[in-house]
């Protein structure tokens, strides 16, 4: 079976785009929930922004750098590498767990006012961290 392969620059762009799109989805959900409650509830975004800076700096930027290092070191003799190589296997399991946790959180009887900062934190942190991939694509 032949794997789909791309050059490293394309892989950086794919990874950065995926992180940015998922971040935008989470951020938009958060803002939508807060606006539907009240425009004043957008003040709840302040902890989300602060949390995003912390999560980006201490977690996601390190994950992005590990992924970038793996892309750089993966089969250096080859021009093309596997399309799915922007993350290790463990990373795919973490993504699955986060999707399940996000789904579960959305369906618990917790007011959206309390869930929105969590979504905005993760969304903004993903967007901030996606920029590392785009820098390497240049």
C-alpha atoms as a PDB file:
ATOM      1  CA  UNK A   1       0.000   0.000   0.000  1.00  0.00           C
ATOM      2  CA  UNK A   2       1.397   3.371  -1.044  1.00  0.00           C
ATOM      3  CA  UNK A   3       1.213   6.185   1.513  1.00  0.00           C
ATOM      4  CA  UNK A   4       0.304   9.712   0.554  1.00  0.00           C
ATOM      5  CA  UNK A   5       3.434  11.843   0.728  1.00  0.00           C
ATOM      6  CA  UNK A   6       4.172  15.559   0.521  1.00  0.00           C
ATOM      7  CA  UNK A   7       7.206  17.783   0.907  1.00  0.00           C
ATOM      8  CA  UNK A   8       8.063  19.206   4.320  1.00  0.00           C
ATOM      9  CA  UNK A   9       6.892  22.742   3.535  1.00  0.00           C
ATOM     10  CA  UNK A  10       3.462  21.410   2.601  1.00  0.00           C
ATOM     11  CA  UNK A  11       3.369  19.377   5.806  1.00  0.00           C
ATOM     12  CA  UNK A  12       4.041  22.506   7.890  1.00  0.00           C
ATOM     13  CA  UNK A  13       1.242  24.314   6.062  1.00  0.00           C
ATOM     14  CA  UNK A  14      -1.185  21.413   6.561  1.00  0.00           C
ATOM     15  CA  UNK A  15      -0.382  21.126  10.280  1.00  0.00           C
ATOM     16  CA  UNK A  16      -0.605  24.881  10.864  1.00  0.00           C
ATOM     17  CA  UNK A  17      -3.848  25.132   8.920  1.00  0.00           C
ATOM     18  CA  UNK A  18      -5.443  22.257  10.852  1.00  0.00           C
ATOM     19  CA  UNK A  19      -4.434  23.749  14.198  1.00  0.00           C
ATOM     20  CA  UNK A  20      -5.689  27.198  13.138  1.00  0.00           C
ATOM     21  CA  UNK A  21      -9.022  25.894  11.791  1.00  0.00           C
ATOM     22  CA  UNK A  22      -9.725  23.840  14.912  1.00  0.00           C
ATOM     23  CA  UNK A  23      -8.749  26.832  17.045  1.00  0.00           C
ATOM     24  CA  UNK A  24     -11.121  29.086  15.084  1.00  0.00           C
ATOM     25  CA  UNK A  25     -13.974  26.598  15.475  1.00  0.00           C
ATOM     26  CA  UNK A  26     -13.478  26.467  19.252  1.00  0.00           C
ATOM     27  CA  UNK A  27     -13.126  30.243  19.509  1.00  0.00           C
ATOM     28  CA  UNK A  28     -16.208  30.893  17.351  1.00  0.00           C
ATOM     29  CA  UNK A  29     -18.289  28.460  19.415  1.00  0.00           C
ATOM     30  CA  UNK A  30     -17.187  30.244  22.566  1.00  0.00           C
ATOM     31  CA  UNK A  31     -18.037  33.703  21.227  1.00  0.00           C
ATOM     32  CA  UNK A  32     -21.385  32.483  19.829  1.00  0.00           C
ATOM     33  CA  UNK A  33     -22.379  31.015  23.183  1.00  0.00           C
ATOM     34  CA  UNK A  34     -21.402  34.172  25.040  1.00  0.00           C
ATOM     35  CA  UNK A  35     -23.127  36.569  22.637  1.00  0.00           C
ATOM     36  CA  UNK A  36     -26.316  34.491  22.797  1.00  0.00           C
ATOM     37  CA  UNK A  37     -26.264  34.867  26.593  1.00  0.00           C
ATOM     38  CA  UNK A  38     -25.438  38.585  26.673  1.00  0.00           C
ATOM     39  CA  UNK A  39     -22.909  40.900  25.094  1.00  0.00           C
ATOM     40  CA  UNK A  40     -21.640  41.668  28.612  1.00  0.00           C
ATOM     41  CA  UNK A  41     -20.807  37.998  29.042  1.00  0.00           C
ATOM     42  CA  UNK A  42     -18.002  38.518  26.529  1.00  0.00           C
ATOM     43  CA  UNK A  43     -16.039  39.714  29.561  1.00  0.00           C
ATOM     44  CA  UNK A  44     -15.750  36.018  30.375  1.00  0.00           C
ATOM     45  CA  UNK A  45     -13.312  35.880  27.454  1.00  0.00           C
ATOM     46  CA  UNK A  46     -10.666  37.700  29.506  1.00  0.00           C
ATOM     47  CA  UNK A  47      -9.702  34.584  31.507  1.00  0.00           C
ATOM     48  CA  UNK A  48      -9.819  32.649  28.229  1.00  0.00           C
ATOM     49  CA  UNK A  49      -7.253  34.968  26.638  1.00  0.00           C
ATOM     50  CA  UNK A  50      -4.977  34.813  29.678  1.00  0.00           C
ATOM     51  CA  UNK A  51      -5.380  31.031  29.791  1.00  0.00           C
ATOM     52  CA  UNK A  52      -4.582  30.813  26.073  1.00  0.00           C
ATOM     53  CA  UNK A  53      -1.271  32.598  26.537  1.00  0.00           C
ATOM     54  CA  UNK A  54      -0.358  30.221  29.371  1.00  0.00           C
ATOM     55  CA  UNK A  55      -1.488  27.060  27.527  1.00  0.00           C
ATOM     56  CA  UNK A  56       0.304  28.193  24.369  1.00  0.00           C
ATOM     57  CA  UNK A  57       3.533  29.034  26.165  1.00  0.00           C
ATOM     58  CA  UNK A  58       3.773  26.023  28.461  1.00  0.00           C
ATOM     59  CA  UNK A  59       2.057  23.290  26.412  1.00  0.00           C
ATOM     60  CA  UNK A  60       1.061  23.699  22.791  1.00  0.00           C
ATOM     61  CA  UNK A  61       4.114  25.610  21.597  1.00  0.00           C
ATOM     62  CA  UNK A  62       6.259  22.759  22.922  1.00  0.00           C
ATOM     63  CA  UNK A  63       4.062  20.176  21.165  1.00  0.00           C
ATOM     64  CA  UNK A  64       4.305  22.174  17.934  1.00  0.00           C
ATOM     65  CA  UNK A  65       8.095  22.398  18.245  1.00  0.00           C
ATOM     66  CA  UNK A  66       8.331  18.632  18.873  1.00  0.00           C
ATOM     67  CA  UNK A  67       6.218  18.033  15.779  1.00  0.00           C
ATOM     68  CA  UNK A  68       8.366  20.427  13.741  1.00  0.00           C
ATOM     69  CA  UNK A  69      11.565  18.719  14.940  1.00  0.00           C
ATOM     70  CA  UNK A  70      10.109  15.336  14.008  1.00  0.00           C
ATOM     71  CA  UNK A  71       9.225  16.603  10.520  1.00  0.00           C
ATOM     72  CA  UNK A  72      12.774  17.960  10.102  1.00  0.00           C
ATOM     73  CA  UNK A  73      14.409  14.719  11.277  1.00  0.00           C
ATOM     74  CA  UNK A  74      12.013  12.280   9.608  1.00  0.00           C
ATOM     75  CA  UNK A  75      13.773  10.560   6.718  1.00  0.00           C
ATOM     76  CA  UNK A  76      16.160  13.437   5.931  1.00  0.00           C
ATOM     77  CA  UNK A  77      17.325  11.659   2.787  1.00  0.00           C
ATOM     78  CA  UNK A  78      13.802  11.786   1.322  1.00  0.00           C
ATOM     79  CA  UNK A  79      12.237  14.795  -0.337  1.00  0.00           C
ATOM     80  CA  UNK A  80       8.675  13.575   0.297  1.00  0.00           C
ATOM     81  CA  UNK A  81       7.350  12.271   3.632  1.00  0.00           C
ATOM     82  CA  UNK A  82       4.052  10.794   4.823  1.00  0.00           C
ATOM     83  CA  UNK A  83       1.121  13.205   4.894  1.00  0.00           C
ATOM     84  CA  UNK A  84       0.199  12.111   8.442  1.00  0.00           C
ATOM     85  CA  UNK A  85       3.723  12.546   9.856  1.00  0.00           C
ATOM     86  CA  UNK A  86       3.097  16.001  11.332  1.00  0.00           C
ATOM     87  CA  UNK A  87       2.129  14.270  14.566  1.00  0.00           C
ATOM     88  CA  UNK A  88       3.292  11.115  16.281  1.00  0.00           C
ATOM     89  CA  UNK A  89       0.908   8.259  17.114  1.00  0.00           C
ATOM     90  CA  UNK A  90       0.608   9.440  20.715  1.00  0.00           C
ATOM     91  CA  UNK A  91      -0.480  12.854  19.401  1.00  0.00           C
ATOM     92  CA  UNK A  92      -3.368  11.292  17.508  1.00  0.00           C
ATOM     93  CA  UNK A  93      -4.534   9.621  20.725  1.00  0.00           C
ATOM     94  CA  UNK A  94      -4.341  12.963  22.557  1.00  0.00           C
ATOM     95  CA  UNK A  95      -6.455  14.548  19.798  1.00  0.00           C
ATOM     96  CA  UNK A  96      -9.032  11.757  20.147  1.00  0.00           C
ATOM     97  CA  UNK A  97      -9.176  12.231  23.920  1.00  0.00           C
ATOM     98  CA  UNK A  98      -9.560  16.001  23.546  1.00  0.00           C
ATOM     99  CA  UNK A  99     -12.389  15.590  21.033  1.00  0.00           C
ATOM    100  CA  UNK A 100     -14.193  13.196  23.386  1.00  0.00           C
ATOM    101  CA  UNK A 101     -13.642  15.538  26.347  1.00  0.00           C
ATOM    102  CA  UNK A 102     -14.906  18.527  24.350  1.00  0.00           C
ATOM    103  CA  UNK A 103     -17.996  16.621  23.244  1.00  0.00           C
ATOM    104  CA  UNK A 104     -18.636  15.430  26.791  1.00  0.00           C
ATOM    105  CA  UNK A 105     -18.179  18.919  28.221  1.00  0.00           C
ATOM    106  CA  UNK A 106     -20.648  20.368  25.696  1.00  0.00           C
ATOM    107  CA  UNK A 107     -23.272  17.783  26.600  1.00  0.00           C
ATOM    108  CA  UNK A 108     -23.007  18.003  30.382  1.00  0.00           C
ATOM    109  CA  UNK A 109     -25.598  20.118  32.188  1.00  0.00           C
ATOM    110  CA  UNK A 110     -23.078  22.934  32.676  1.00  0.00           C
ATOM    111  CA  UNK A 111     -24.066  26.447  31.561  1.00  0.00           C
ATOM    112  CA  UNK A 112     -22.271  27.612  28.410  1.00  0.00           C
ATOM    113  CA  UNK A 113     -21.075  30.638  30.360  1.00  0.00           C
ATOM    114  CA  UNK A 114     -18.663  28.319  32.197  1.00  0.00           C
ATOM    115  CA  UNK A 115     -17.692  26.204  29.193  1.00  0.00           C
ATOM    116  CA  UNK A 116     -16.958  29.142  26.880  1.00  0.00           C
ATOM    117  CA  UNK A 117     -13.697  30.211  28.594  1.00  0.00           C
ATOM    118  CA  UNK A 118     -12.339  26.665  28.259  1.00  0.00           C
ATOM    119  CA  UNK A 119     -13.156  26.639  24.545  1.00  0.00           C
ATOM    120  CA  UNK A 120     -11.699  30.113  24.003  1.00  0.00           C
ATOM    121  CA  UNK A 121      -8.550  29.154  25.907  1.00  0.00           C
ATOM    122  CA  UNK A 122      -7.927  26.088  23.763  1.00  0.00           C
ATOM    123  CA  UNK A 123      -9.003  27.816  20.559  1.00  0.00           C
ATOM    124  CA  UNK A 124      -6.704  30.797  20.969  1.00  0.00           C
ATOM    125  CA  UNK A 125      -3.825  28.620  22.165  1.00  0.00           C
ATOM    126  CA  UNK A 126      -4.164  26.465  19.035  1.00  0.00           C
ATOM    127  CA  UNK A 127      -4.228  29.560  16.828  1.00  0.00           C
ATOM    128  CA  UNK A 128      -1.144  31.029  18.536  1.00  0.00           C
ATOM    129  CA  UNK A 129       0.720  27.726  18.261  1.00  0.00           C
ATOM    130  CA  UNK A 130      -0.249  27.226  14.610  1.00  0.00           C
ATOM    131  CA  UNK A 131       1.929  30.239  13.787  1.00  0.00           C
ATOM    132  CA  UNK A 132       5.038  28.173  14.590  1.00  0.00           C
ATOM    133  CA  UNK A 133       4.206  25.819  11.710  1.00  0.00           C
ATOM    134  CA  UNK A 134       3.664  28.713   9.314  1.00  0.00           C
ATOM    135  CA  UNK A 135       7.035  30.232  10.290  1.00  0.00           C
ATOM    136  CA  UNK A 136       8.751  26.991   9.345  1.00  0.00           C
ATOM    137  CA  UNK A 137       6.897  26.839   6.035  1.00  0.00           C
ATOM    138  CA  UNK A 138       8.554  30.089   4.934  1.00  0.00           C
END
